[in-house]
């Protein structure tokens, strides 16, 4: 694996952990796709630094379990601000 990919995977994991970031936020911050974020954290990082991979996975799993709530709140806000 190329060095820059390993460095990116580590940077991504640290960003997710430090900022409690979602996959979408992380992808936007690093200018990469959501699938690349997933691949870096789920596959590549496991071989580079398994402990860091587990920490990032915990944050992503929490975010995944809460995403339906955030989506509902966003929809609620949208309709609260519409003028009839």
N, C-alpha and C. Protein backbone atom coordinates (compact mmCIF):
# COMPACT_ATOMS: atom_id res chain seq x y z
N UNK A 1 0.86 -1.19 0.00
CA UNK A 1 0.00 0.00 0.00
C UNK A 1 0.90 1.24 0.00
N UNK A 2 0.49 2.23 -0.73
CA UNK A 2 1.25 3.48 -0.83
C UNK A 2 1.24 4.21 0.51
N UNK A 3 2.34 4.90 0.79
CA UNK A 3 2.48 5.62 2.06
C UNK A 3 1.39 6.67 2.26
N UNK A 4 1.07 7.40 1.19
CA UNK A 4 0.09 8.48 1.35
C UNK A 4 -1.30 7.92 1.67
N UNK A 5 -1.60 6.72 1.21
CA UNK A 5 -2.90 6.11 1.52
C UNK A 5 -2.95 5.71 3.00
N UNK A 6 -1.84 5.16 3.49
CA UNK A 6 -1.78 4.82 4.91
C UNK A 6 -1.90 6.07 5.78
N UNK A 7 -1.20 7.13 5.40
CA UNK A 7 -1.28 8.38 6.15
C UNK A 7 -2.69 8.95 6.13
N UNK A 8 -3.34 8.87 4.96
CA UNK A 8 -4.71 9.38 4.83
C UNK A 8 -5.65 8.57 5.72
N UNK A 9 -5.52 7.26 5.74
CA UNK A 9 -6.38 6.41 6.57
C UNK A 9 -6.24 6.77 8.05
N UNK A 10 -5.01 6.99 8.47
CA UNK A 10 -4.77 7.37 9.87
C UNK A 10 -5.35 8.76 10.16
N UNK A 11 -5.15 9.69 9.24
CA UNK A 11 -5.69 11.05 9.41
C UNK A 11 -7.21 11.03 9.48
N UNK A 12 -7.82 10.23 8.61
CA UNK A 12 -9.29 10.11 8.59
C UNK A 12 -9.80 9.58 9.93
N UNK A 13 -9.18 8.53 10.42
CA UNK A 13 -9.61 7.94 11.69
C UNK A 13 -9.46 8.94 12.83
N UNK A 14 -8.34 9.63 12.87
CA UNK A 14 -8.14 10.63 13.92
C UNK A 14 -9.18 11.75 13.83
N UNK A 15 -9.50 12.18 12.62
CA UNK A 15 -10.51 13.23 12.44
C UNK A 15 -11.88 12.75 12.94
N UNK A 16 -12.24 11.52 12.58
CA UNK A 16 -13.53 10.96 13.00
C UNK A 16 -13.60 10.90 14.52
N UNK A 17 -12.55 10.42 15.14
CA UNK A 17 -12.52 10.26 16.59
C UNK A 17 -12.52 11.63 17.29
N UNK A 18 -11.67 12.54 16.85
CA UNK A 18 -11.54 13.85 17.50
C UNK A 18 -12.79 14.71 17.36
N UNK A 19 -13.45 14.60 16.20
CA UNK A 19 -14.60 15.49 15.93
C UNK A 19 -15.94 14.79 16.00
N UNK A 20 -15.94 13.51 16.35
CA UNK A 20 -17.18 12.74 16.38
C UNK A 20 -17.89 12.87 15.03
N UNK A 21 -17.12 12.83 13.97
CA UNK A 21 -17.60 13.15 12.63
C UNK A 21 -18.32 11.99 11.96
N UNK A 22 -19.23 12.33 11.09
CA UNK A 22 -19.91 11.34 10.27
C UNK A 22 -19.06 11.05 9.03
N UNK A 23 -19.44 10.01 8.32
CA UNK A 23 -18.74 9.67 7.08
C UNK A 23 -18.86 10.82 6.09
N UNK A 24 -20.04 11.39 5.99
CA UNK A 24 -20.28 12.49 5.05
C UNK A 24 -19.42 13.71 5.38
N UNK A 25 -19.36 14.06 6.66
CA UNK A 25 -18.53 15.20 7.08
C UNK A 25 -17.06 14.94 6.80
N UNK A 26 -16.63 13.73 7.06
CA UNK A 26 -15.23 13.36 6.85
C UNK A 26 -14.88 13.40 5.37
N UNK A 27 -15.76 12.86 4.54
CA UNK A 27 -15.51 12.85 3.10
C UNK A 27 -15.40 14.27 2.57
N UNK A 28 -16.27 15.16 3.04
CA UNK A 28 -16.23 16.55 2.60
C UNK A 28 -14.94 17.23 3.05
N UNK A 29 -14.53 16.99 4.27
CA UNK A 29 -13.32 17.60 4.82
C UNK A 29 -12.07 17.19 4.04
N UNK A 30 -11.98 15.92 3.67
CA UNK A 30 -10.80 15.40 2.99
C UNK A 30 -10.91 15.44 1.47
N UNK A 31 -12.08 15.82 0.95
CA UNK A 31 -12.27 15.91 -0.49
C UNK A 31 -12.24 14.56 -1.18
N UNK A 32 -12.79 13.55 -0.50
CA UNK A 32 -12.85 12.20 -1.07
C UNK A 32 -14.28 11.69 -0.98
N UNK A 33 -14.55 10.54 -1.57
CA UNK A 33 -15.90 9.99 -1.54
C UNK A 33 -16.18 9.29 -0.22
N UNK A 34 -17.48 9.10 0.06
CA UNK A 34 -17.87 8.40 1.27
C UNK A 34 -17.39 6.95 1.23
N UNK A 35 -17.40 6.35 0.06
CA UNK A 35 -16.95 4.96 -0.04
C UNK A 35 -15.45 4.84 0.25
N UNK A 36 -14.68 5.86 -0.10
CA UNK A 36 -13.25 5.85 0.21
C UNK A 36 -13.03 5.96 1.72
N UNK A 37 -13.84 6.78 2.38
CA UNK A 37 -13.75 6.88 3.84
C UNK A 37 -14.03 5.51 4.46
N UNK A 38 -15.09 4.85 3.99
CA UNK A 38 -15.43 3.52 4.51
C UNK A 38 -14.30 2.54 4.27
N UNK A 39 -13.77 2.52 3.07
CA UNK A 39 -12.70 1.58 2.73
C UNK A 39 -11.46 1.83 3.58
N UNK A 40 -11.11 3.10 3.75
CA UNK A 40 -9.93 3.44 4.56
C UNK A 40 -10.09 2.97 6.01
N UNK A 41 -11.27 3.21 6.58
CA UNK A 41 -11.47 2.88 7.99
C UNK A 41 -11.75 1.38 8.18
N UNK A 42 -12.55 0.80 7.32
CA UNK A 42 -12.97 -0.59 7.52
C UNK A 42 -11.92 -1.60 7.07
N UNK A 43 -11.20 -1.32 6.01
CA UNK A 43 -10.27 -2.31 5.47
C UNK A 43 -8.81 -1.92 5.68
N UNK A 44 -8.42 -0.80 5.15
CA UNK A 44 -7.01 -0.42 5.17
C UNK A 44 -6.48 -0.20 6.57
N UNK A 45 -7.23 0.53 7.37
CA UNK A 45 -6.77 0.88 8.71
C UNK A 45 -6.65 -0.35 9.61
N UNK A 46 -7.47 -1.35 9.35
CA UNK A 46 -7.41 -2.58 10.14
C UNK A 46 -6.03 -3.23 10.06
N UNK A 47 -5.40 -3.11 8.91
CA UNK A 47 -4.06 -3.70 8.73
C UNK A 47 -2.97 -2.78 9.25
N UNK A 48 -3.21 -1.47 9.21
CA UNK A 48 -2.20 -0.49 9.61
C UNK A 48 -2.17 -0.33 11.13
N UNK A 49 -3.36 -0.07 11.71
CA UNK A 49 -3.46 0.22 13.14
C UNK A 49 -4.82 -0.28 13.65
N UNK A 50 -4.90 -1.55 14.04
CA UNK A 50 -6.19 -2.13 14.45
C UNK A 50 -6.86 -1.40 15.61
N UNK A 51 -6.09 -0.91 16.56
CA UNK A 51 -6.68 -0.21 17.72
C UNK A 51 -7.36 1.07 17.28
N UNK A 52 -6.70 1.82 16.42
CA UNK A 52 -7.28 3.07 15.90
C UNK A 52 -8.53 2.77 15.07
N UNK A 53 -8.47 1.68 14.31
CA UNK A 53 -9.62 1.28 13.49
C UNK A 53 -10.83 0.98 14.38
N UNK A 54 -10.60 0.32 15.49
CA UNK A 54 -11.71 0.01 16.40
C UNK A 54 -12.31 1.27 17.00
N UNK A 55 -11.45 2.22 17.38
CA UNK A 55 -11.96 3.49 17.95
C UNK A 55 -12.81 4.24 16.94
N UNK A 56 -12.35 4.32 15.70
CA UNK A 56 -13.10 5.01 14.65
C UNK A 56 -14.41 4.29 14.37
N UNK A 57 -14.37 2.98 14.38
CA UNK A 57 -15.57 2.18 14.12
C UNK A 57 -16.64 2.44 15.17
N UNK A 58 -16.23 2.61 16.43
CA UNK A 58 -17.19 2.89 17.51
C UNK A 58 -17.93 4.19 17.21
N UNK A 59 -17.20 5.23 16.84
CA UNK A 59 -17.82 6.53 16.53
C UNK A 59 -18.76 6.39 15.34
N UNK A 60 -18.31 5.72 14.29
CA UNK A 60 -19.14 5.56 13.09
C UNK A 60 -20.39 4.74 13.38
N UNK A 61 -20.28 3.73 14.22
CA UNK A 61 -21.45 2.92 14.57
C UNK A 61 -22.47 3.73 15.36
N UNK A 62 -21.99 4.59 16.26
CA UNK A 62 -22.90 5.46 17.01
C UNK A 62 -23.60 6.41 16.05
N UNK A 63 -22.83 7.02 15.14
CA UNK A 63 -23.43 7.93 14.17
C UNK A 63 -24.45 7.23 13.30
N UNK A 64 -24.14 6.00 12.91
CA UNK A 64 -25.08 5.25 12.07
C UNK A 64 -26.38 4.97 12.81
N UNK A 65 -26.27 4.65 14.10
CA UNK A 65 -27.47 4.35 14.87
C UNK A 65 -28.32 5.59 15.11
N UNK A 66 -27.71 6.77 15.02
CA UNK A 66 -28.44 8.02 15.27
C UNK A 66 -28.88 8.73 14.00
N UNK A 67 -28.50 8.23 12.84
CA UNK A 67 -28.75 9.00 11.62
C UNK A 67 -30.23 9.20 11.32
N UNK A 68 -31.08 8.24 11.66
CA UNK A 68 -32.50 8.42 11.40
C UNK A 68 -33.08 9.55 12.25
N UNK A 69 -32.52 9.75 13.43
CA UNK A 69 -32.98 10.84 14.30
C UNK A 69 -32.56 12.18 13.70
N UNK A 70 -31.30 12.28 13.25
CA UNK A 70 -30.83 13.53 12.65
C UNK A 70 -31.62 13.85 11.39
N UNK A 71 -31.93 12.83 10.60
CA UNK A 71 -32.72 13.05 9.39
C UNK A 71 -34.11 13.57 9.70
N UNK A 72 -34.72 13.01 10.73
CA UNK A 72 -36.05 13.45 11.15
C UNK A 72 -36.03 14.88 11.66
N UNK A 73 -34.99 15.24 12.38
CA UNK A 73 -34.87 16.61 12.89
C UNK A 73 -34.67 17.60 11.74
N UNK A 74 -33.89 17.21 10.74
CA UNK A 74 -33.66 18.08 9.59
C UNK A 74 -34.97 18.30 8.82
N UNK A 75 -35.74 17.25 8.66
CA UNK A 75 -37.02 17.37 7.97
C UNK A 75 -37.98 18.26 8.75
N UNK A 76 -38.00 18.09 10.06
CA UNK A 76 -38.85 18.91 10.93
C UNK A 76 -38.49 20.39 10.79
N UNK A 77 -37.19 20.68 10.83
CA UNK A 77 -36.73 22.06 10.68
C UNK A 77 -37.15 22.63 9.32
N UNK A 78 -37.04 21.83 8.30
CA UNK A 78 -37.39 22.26 6.95
C UNK A 78 -38.84 22.73 6.90
N UNK A 79 -39.72 21.91 7.48
CA UNK A 79 -41.14 22.25 7.41
C UNK A 79 -41.55 23.33 8.40
N UNK A 80 -40.81 23.50 9.47
CA UNK A 80 -41.10 24.57 10.41
C UNK A 80 -40.83 25.95 9.80
N UNK A 81 -39.88 25.99 8.89
CA UNK A 81 -39.50 27.27 8.28
C UNK A 81 -40.21 27.57 6.97
N UNK A 82 -41.07 26.68 6.54
CA UNK A 82 -41.81 26.94 5.30
C UNK A 82 -43.01 27.83 5.61
N UNK A 83 -43.26 28.73 4.69
CA UNK A 83 -44.41 29.62 4.86
C UNK A 83 -45.55 29.11 3.99
N UNK A 84 -46.71 29.01 4.59
CA UNK A 84 -47.87 28.48 3.85
C UNK A 84 -48.69 29.59 3.29
